[in-house]
Structures are given as C-alpha cells and as structure tokens.
Amino acid sequence: MRFSRILAVAAVAALAAAPVAANPLSRILAKSGLTPQDTNIMRQAEKSLLAEAQGGTGKRAKWTNRDSGAHGEVRVAGKEGDCLLLQHQAFLKDSQDPKQVRRKFCPSGADWLLTQ
C-alpha cells in the first residue's frame, strides 16, 4: 500500500513538472526578438484566417509592423479533424532567417480555442 502511494505521488509530481519544463508561446516569442506589437499584429492575421477558416489548407495572411520593421505570414498548414494548424513565419527587420511557430486551434462554440 505504501509503495503504491509513493508511486502515485511520484507520477503526479512528474506530470505537474512537465508543463514547467515546456516554454510557453509568450516566452518563445520574447526570445525571438519580436516585439509585443509584432505578436499582436501576428495574432490579428491569425484571427482573420480563423474567421474564414472554411477555405481550408493553404489560405494565407500577411502582416507587417512598420514601427519595428518585422513582417511575416501565417498560413493554414493543415487540419486535424475539425482543428486547424496555423504556421507562422516571421522576419525581424533586415533578417533573412525566419522565426517559425506552429499553433493548433480547435472550434469551441462560435470561437476557436488554442490547444497547442
């Protein structure tokens, strides 16, 4: 009985520690050099794609932040069931190396819920 209790506590501790080890999107974007304004503009492009999501894979939305010089594109990269995979490609001012982020959204009533 004591061993199974220790094992259960260890399993819960391992599961609780897993999200701490993963970098949330905000931390990844902060390390990328993109400004908060850049990420807000990226999210607006994302929302426009989700609003017309019935078009499916391949749809694209471009964005530009004239203040920071950053620009990029988000596209519908695929579907998983009813969920959409969005692929971001962002460039910092004068950079040729894109920053890439993939996000998964699933329908939730009239909205889309970020699941990954």
N, C-alpha and C. Protein backbone atom coordinates (compact mmCIF):
# COMPACT_ATOMS: atom_id res chain seq x y z
N MET A 1 0.83 -1.19 0.00
CA MET A 1 0.00 0.00 0.00
C MET A 1 0.87 1.25 0.00
N ARG A 2 1.90 1.26 0.84
CA ARG A 2 2.77 2.43 0.93
C ARG A 2 3.51 2.65 -0.39
N PHE A 3 3.96 1.57 -1.03
CA PHE A 3 4.67 1.68 -2.30
C PHE A 3 3.76 2.28 -3.38
N SER A 4 2.51 1.85 -3.45
CA SER A 4 1.60 2.37 -4.47
C SER A 4 1.30 3.85 -4.23
N ARG A 5 1.25 4.26 -2.96
CA ARG A 5 1.03 5.67 -2.64
C ARG A 5 2.23 6.50 -3.09
N ILE A 6 3.44 6.02 -2.84
CA ILE A 6 4.67 6.71 -3.26
C ILE A 6 4.72 6.80 -4.78
N LEU A 7 4.35 5.72 -5.45
CA LEU A 7 4.34 5.69 -6.90
C LEU A 7 3.32 6.70 -7.46
N ALA A 8 2.15 6.78 -6.85
CA ALA A 8 1.12 7.73 -7.30
C ALA A 8 1.60 9.16 -7.11
N VAL A 9 2.22 9.45 -5.96
CA VAL A 9 2.74 10.80 -5.71
C VAL A 9 3.82 11.15 -6.72
N ALA A 10 4.69 10.21 -7.02
CA ALA A 10 5.77 10.44 -7.99
C ALA A 10 5.19 10.71 -9.38
N ALA A 11 4.14 9.97 -9.75
CA ALA A 11 3.53 10.16 -11.07
C ALA A 11 2.89 11.54 -11.17
N VAL A 12 2.19 11.97 -10.13
CA VAL A 12 1.57 13.29 -10.13
C VAL A 12 2.65 14.37 -10.19
N ALA A 13 3.73 14.20 -9.45
CA ALA A 13 4.82 15.17 -9.46
C ALA A 13 5.44 15.27 -10.85
N ALA A 14 5.60 14.15 -11.52
CA ALA A 14 6.18 14.16 -12.87
C ALA A 14 5.27 14.89 -13.84
N LEU A 15 3.96 14.65 -13.75
CA LEU A 15 3.02 15.33 -14.64
C LEU A 15 2.96 16.82 -14.35
N ALA A 16 3.03 17.19 -13.11
CA ALA A 16 2.98 18.60 -12.74
C ALA A 16 4.24 19.32 -13.20
N ALA A 17 5.36 18.64 -13.21
CA ALA A 17 6.63 19.26 -13.61
C ALA A 17 6.74 19.44 -15.12
N ALA A 18 6.03 18.62 -15.89
CA ALA A 18 6.16 18.66 -17.35
C ALA A 18 5.83 20.03 -17.94
N PRO A 19 4.70 20.67 -17.59
CA PRO A 19 4.41 21.97 -18.19
C PRO A 19 5.43 23.03 -17.81
N VAL A 20 6.05 22.92 -16.66
CA VAL A 20 7.05 23.90 -16.24
C VAL A 20 8.25 23.84 -17.17
N ALA A 21 8.60 22.65 -17.63
CA ALA A 21 9.76 22.47 -18.49
C ALA A 21 9.50 23.02 -19.90
N ALA A 22 8.25 22.99 -20.33
CA ALA A 22 7.92 23.46 -21.66
C ALA A 22 7.89 24.99 -21.68
N ASN A 23 8.37 25.57 -22.77
CA ASN A 23 8.34 27.03 -22.91
C ASN A 23 7.00 27.45 -23.48
N PRO A 24 6.27 28.34 -22.79
CA PRO A 24 5.03 28.84 -23.36
C PRO A 24 5.33 29.72 -24.57
N LEU A 25 4.33 29.89 -25.41
CA LEU A 25 4.50 30.67 -26.63
C LEU A 25 5.02 32.06 -26.35
N SER A 26 4.52 32.69 -25.29
CA SER A 26 4.96 34.06 -24.98
C SER A 26 6.45 34.11 -24.72
N ARG A 27 7.00 33.10 -24.05
CA ARG A 27 8.44 33.06 -23.78
C ARG A 27 9.23 32.82 -25.07
N ILE A 28 8.72 31.94 -25.91
CA ILE A 28 9.39 31.66 -27.19
C ILE A 28 9.44 32.93 -28.03
N LEU A 29 8.29 33.64 -28.11
CA LEU A 29 8.25 34.87 -28.90
C LEU A 29 9.12 35.96 -28.30
N ALA A 30 9.18 36.04 -26.97
CA ALA A 30 10.02 37.05 -26.32
C ALA A 30 11.49 36.82 -26.66
N LYS A 31 11.90 35.57 -26.71
CA LYS A 31 13.29 35.24 -27.03
C LYS A 31 13.58 35.43 -28.53
N SER A 32 12.53 35.51 -29.34
CA SER A 32 12.71 35.60 -30.79
C SER A 32 13.16 36.98 -31.24
N GLY A 33 12.94 38.01 -30.39
CA GLY A 33 13.26 39.36 -30.79
C GLY A 33 12.06 40.11 -31.33
N LEU A 34 10.91 39.44 -31.47
CA LEU A 34 9.70 40.10 -31.91
C LEU A 34 9.16 40.95 -30.77
N THR A 35 8.62 42.10 -31.10
CA THR A 35 8.07 43.00 -30.09
C THR A 35 6.64 42.55 -29.73
N PRO A 36 6.12 43.02 -28.59
CA PRO A 36 4.72 42.72 -28.28
C PRO A 36 3.77 43.22 -29.38
N GLN A 37 4.10 44.35 -29.97
CA GLN A 37 3.28 44.87 -31.07
C GLN A 37 3.32 43.91 -32.27
N ASP A 38 4.51 43.33 -32.55
CA ASP A 38 4.63 42.34 -33.63
C ASP A 38 3.70 41.16 -33.37
N THR A 39 3.73 40.64 -32.14
CA THR A 39 2.92 39.46 -31.84
C THR A 39 1.43 39.79 -31.88
N ASN A 40 1.06 41.01 -31.49
CA ASN A 40 -0.35 41.41 -31.60
C ASN A 40 -0.80 41.45 -33.06
N ILE A 41 0.07 41.97 -33.92
CA ILE A 41 -0.26 42.02 -35.35
C ILE A 41 -0.32 40.61 -35.93
N MET A 42 0.59 39.74 -35.49
CA MET A 42 0.55 38.34 -35.91
C MET A 42 -0.77 37.69 -35.52
N ARG A 43 -1.21 37.96 -34.30
CA ARG A 43 -2.47 37.37 -33.82
C ARG A 43 -3.67 37.88 -34.61
N GLN A 44 -3.62 39.15 -35.03
CA GLN A 44 -4.70 39.68 -35.85
C GLN A 44 -4.76 38.96 -37.20
N ALA A 45 -3.60 38.68 -37.78
CA ALA A 45 -3.56 37.92 -39.04
C ALA A 45 -4.11 36.51 -38.81
N GLU A 46 -3.76 35.93 -37.69
CA GLU A 46 -4.25 34.61 -37.30
C GLU A 46 -5.78 34.62 -37.20
N LYS A 47 -6.31 35.64 -36.52
CA LYS A 47 -7.77 35.75 -36.35
C LYS A 47 -8.48 35.89 -37.69
N SER A 48 -7.87 36.61 -38.62
CA SER A 48 -8.52 36.77 -39.93
C SER A 48 -8.60 35.43 -40.66
N LEU A 49 -7.57 34.61 -40.52
CA LEU A 49 -7.61 33.29 -41.14
C LEU A 49 -8.66 32.40 -40.47
N LEU A 50 -8.72 32.44 -39.16
CA LEU A 50 -9.70 31.62 -38.45
C LEU A 50 -11.12 32.05 -38.78
N ALA A 51 -11.33 33.34 -39.01
CA ALA A 51 -12.66 33.85 -39.35
C ALA A 51 -13.14 33.30 -40.68
N GLU A 52 -12.21 33.04 -41.59
CA GLU A 52 -12.57 32.50 -42.90
C GLU A 52 -12.04 31.07 -43.05
N ALA A 53 -12.01 30.34 -41.96
CA ALA A 53 -11.38 29.02 -41.91
C ALA A 53 -12.02 28.00 -42.84
N GLN A 54 -13.21 28.23 -43.28
CA GLN A 54 -13.86 27.24 -44.15
C GLN A 54 -13.08 27.05 -45.45
N GLY A 55 -12.21 28.02 -45.79
CA GLY A 55 -11.40 27.92 -47.00
C GLY A 55 -10.37 26.80 -46.93
N GLY A 56 -9.96 26.44 -45.73
CA GLY A 56 -9.08 25.30 -45.55
C GLY A 56 -7.61 25.56 -45.80
N THR A 57 -6.90 24.47 -45.98
CA THR A 57 -5.45 24.47 -46.10
C THR A 57 -4.97 25.36 -47.23
N GLY A 58 -3.89 26.08 -46.96
CA GLY A 58 -3.26 26.90 -47.99
C GLY A 58 -3.59 28.38 -47.88
N LYS A 59 -4.69 28.73 -47.20
CA LYS A 59 -5.03 30.15 -47.04
C LYS A 59 -3.90 30.84 -46.29
N ARG A 60 -3.64 32.10 -46.64
CA ARG A 60 -2.54 32.85 -46.05
C ARG A 60 -2.98 34.26 -45.67
N ALA A 61 -2.31 34.80 -44.67
CA ALA A 61 -2.50 36.20 -44.30
C ALA A 61 -1.13 36.79 -44.00
N LYS A 62 -0.80 37.88 -44.67
CA LYS A 62 0.49 38.55 -44.44
C LYS A 62 0.30 39.67 -43.43
N TRP A 63 1.38 40.01 -42.75
CA TRP A 63 1.34 41.11 -41.78
C TRP A 63 2.66 41.87 -41.82
N THR A 64 2.60 43.13 -41.43
CA THR A 64 3.79 43.99 -41.38
C THR A 64 3.64 44.96 -40.21
N ASN A 65 4.73 45.14 -39.48
CA ASN A 65 4.77 46.16 -38.43
C ASN A 65 5.76 47.23 -38.90
N ARG A 66 5.25 48.33 -39.36
CA ARG A 66 6.11 49.40 -39.88
C ARG A 66 6.99 50.00 -38.79
N ASP A 67 6.54 49.96 -37.54
CA ASP A 67 7.33 50.52 -36.44
C ASP A 67 8.59 49.72 -36.16
N SER A 68 8.50 48.39 -36.17
CA SER A 68 9.66 47.56 -35.85
C SER A 68 10.38 47.04 -37.09
N GLY A 69 9.72 47.08 -38.24
CA GLY A 69 10.31 46.54 -39.45
C GLY A 69 10.09 45.04 -39.60
N ALA A 70 9.45 44.42 -38.62
CA ALA A 70 9.17 42.99 -38.70
C ALA A 70 8.00 42.75 -39.65
N HIS A 71 8.00 41.58 -40.27
CA HIS A 71 6.90 41.21 -41.16
C HIS A 71 6.84 39.69 -41.23
N GLY A 72 5.75 39.20 -41.79
CA GLY A 72 5.63 37.76 -41.90
C GLY A 72 4.32 37.33 -42.51
N GLU A 73 4.06 36.05 -42.29
CA GLU A 73 2.88 35.44 -42.88
C GLU A 73 2.43 34.30 -41.97
N VAL A 74 1.15 34.10 -41.93
CA VAL A 74 0.58 32.94 -41.25
C VAL A 74 -0.27 32.22 -42.29
N ARG A 75 -0.19 30.90 -42.30
CA ARG A 75 -0.96 30.13 -43.27
C ARG A 75 -1.60 28.93 -42.58
N VAL A 76 -2.68 28.48 -43.16
CA VAL A 76 -3.31 27.25 -42.69
C VAL A 76 -2.46 26.11 -43.24
N ALA A 77 -1.74 25.44 -42.34
CA ALA A 77 -0.80 24.39 -42.76
C ALA A 77 -1.45 23.02 -42.84
N GLY A 78 -2.60 22.85 -42.22
CA GLY A 78 -3.25 21.54 -42.27
C GLY A 78 -4.43 21.48 -41.33
N LYS A 79 -5.04 20.31 -41.32
CA LYS A 79 -6.19 20.07 -40.46
C LYS A 79 -5.97 18.77 -39.71
N GLU A 80 -6.47 18.74 -38.49
CA GLU A 80 -6.53 17.52 -37.70
C GLU A 80 -7.95 17.42 -37.18
N GLY A 81 -8.77 16.61 -37.85
CA GLY A 81 -10.18 16.57 -37.51
C GLY A 81 -10.80 17.92 -37.82
N ASP A 82 -11.45 18.53 -36.83
CA ASP A 82 -12.04 19.86 -37.00
C ASP A 82 -11.04 20.97 -36.70
N CYS A 83 -9.86 20.61 -36.22
CA CYS A 83 -8.86 21.60 -35.79
C CYS A 83 -8.01 22.07 -36.97
N LEU A 84 -7.51 23.29 -36.85
CA LEU A 84 -6.64 23.86 -37.87
C LEU A 84 -5.23 24.06 -37.32
N LEU A 85 -4.24 23.75 -38.13
CA LEU A 85 -2.84 24.01 -37.79
C LEU A 85 -2.40 25.26 -38.53
N LEU A 86 -1.99 26.27 -37.78
CA LEU A 86 -1.52 27.51 -38.38
C LEU A 86 -0.01 27.61 -38.24
N GLN A 87 0.66 27.93 -39.33
CA GLN A 87 2.12 28.05 -39.36
C GLN A 87 2.49 29.51 -39.53
N HIS A 88 3.21 30.05 -38.55
CA HIS A 88 3.70 31.43 -38.62
C HIS A 88 5.14 31.43 -39.13
N GLN A 89 5.44 32.38 -39.97
CA GLN A 89 6.80 32.64 -40.41
C GLN A 89 7.00 34.15 -40.28
N ALA A 90 7.91 34.53 -39.39
CA ALA A 90 8.12 35.95 -39.09
C ALA A 90 9.58 36.32 -39.31
N PHE A 91 9.78 37.52 -39.84
CA PHE A 91 11.12 38.03 -40.09
C PHE A 91 11.32 39.32 -39.30
N LEU A 92 12.43 39.40 -38.59
CA LEU A 92 12.80 40.65 -37.93
C LEU A 92 13.34 41.60 -38.99
N LYS A 93 13.40 42.87 -38.66
CA LYS A 93 13.93 43.86 -39.60
C LYS A 93 15.31 43.42 -40.10
N ASP A 94 15.50 43.46 -41.41
CA ASP A 94 16.77 43.14 -42.06
C ASP A 94 17.25 41.72 -41.81
N SER A 95 16.37 40.79 -41.49
CA SER A 95 16.75 39.40 -41.25
C SER A 95 16.27 38.50 -42.37
N GLN A 96 17.09 37.53 -42.71
CA GLN A 96 16.71 36.54 -43.72
C GLN A 96 16.31 35.21 -43.07
N ASP A 97 16.53 35.10 -41.75
CA ASP A 97 16.22 33.87 -41.03
C ASP A 97 14.84 33.99 -40.39
N PRO A 98 13.87 33.21 -40.87
CA PRO A 98 12.53 33.32 -40.31
C PRO A 98 12.42 32.68 -38.93
N LYS A 99 11.57 33.27 -38.11
CA LYS A 99 11.17 32.67 -36.84
C LYS A 99 9.90 31.91 -37.16
N GLN A 100 9.81 30.66 -36.73
CA GLN A 100 8.66 29.85 -37.08
C GLN A 100 7.95 29.36 -35.83
N VAL A 101 6.63 29.45 -35.86
CA VAL A 101 5.79 28.98 -34.77
C VAL A 101 4.59 28.29 -35.38
N ARG A 102 4.25 27.12 -34.86
CA ARG A 102 3.06 26.40 -35.30
C ARG A 102 2.08 26.36 -34.14
N ARG A 103 0.82 26.68 -34.44
CA ARG A 103 -0.22 26.67 -33.40
C ARG A 103 -1.43 25.90 -33.89
N LYS A 104 -2.09 25.23 -32.97
CA LYS A 104 -3.27 24.42 -33.30
C LYS A 104 -4.50 25.02 -32.62
N PHE A 105 -5.54 25.25 -33.42
CA PHE A 105 -6.79 25.81 -32.93
C PHE A 105 -7.93 24.84 -33.24
N CYS A 106 -8.80 24.65 -32.25
CA CYS A 106 -9.96 23.78 -32.43
C CYS A 106 -11.22 24.59 -32.18
N PRO A 107 -12.31 24.26 -32.91
CA PRO A 107 -13.55 25.01 -32.72
C PRO A 107 -14.11 24.79 -31.31
N SER A 108 -14.63 25.89 -30.76
CA SER A 108 -15.26 25.84 -29.43
C SER A 108 -16.44 26.79 -29.47
N GLY A 109 -17.58 26.24 -29.82
CA GLY A 109 -18.76 27.09 -30.00
C GLY A 109 -18.56 28.00 -31.19
N ALA A 110 -18.72 29.30 -30.99
CA ALA A 110 -18.55 30.27 -32.08
C ALA A 110 -17.10 30.74 -32.20
N ASP A 111 -16.23 30.31 -31.28
CA ASP A 111 -14.84 30.75 -31.26
C ASP A 111 -13.90 29.61 -31.59
N TRP A 112 -12.61 29.95 -31.64
CA TRP A 112 -11.55 28.96 -31.81
C TRP A 112 -10.71 28.95 -30.55
N LEU A 113 -10.35 27.77 -30.09
CA LEU A 113 -9.58 27.60 -28.87
C LEU A 113 -8.17 27.14 -29.22
N LEU A 114 -7.17 27.87 -28.74
CA LEU A 114 -5.78 27.47 -28.93
C LEU A 114 -5.53 26.24 -28.08
N THR A 115 -5.12 25.16 -28.73
CA THR A 115 -4.89 23.91 -27.99
C THR A 115 -3.42 23.54 -27.94
N GLN A 116 -2.61 24.22 -28.73
CA GLN A 116 -1.20 23.85 -28.78
C GLN A 116 -0.39 24.98 -29.35
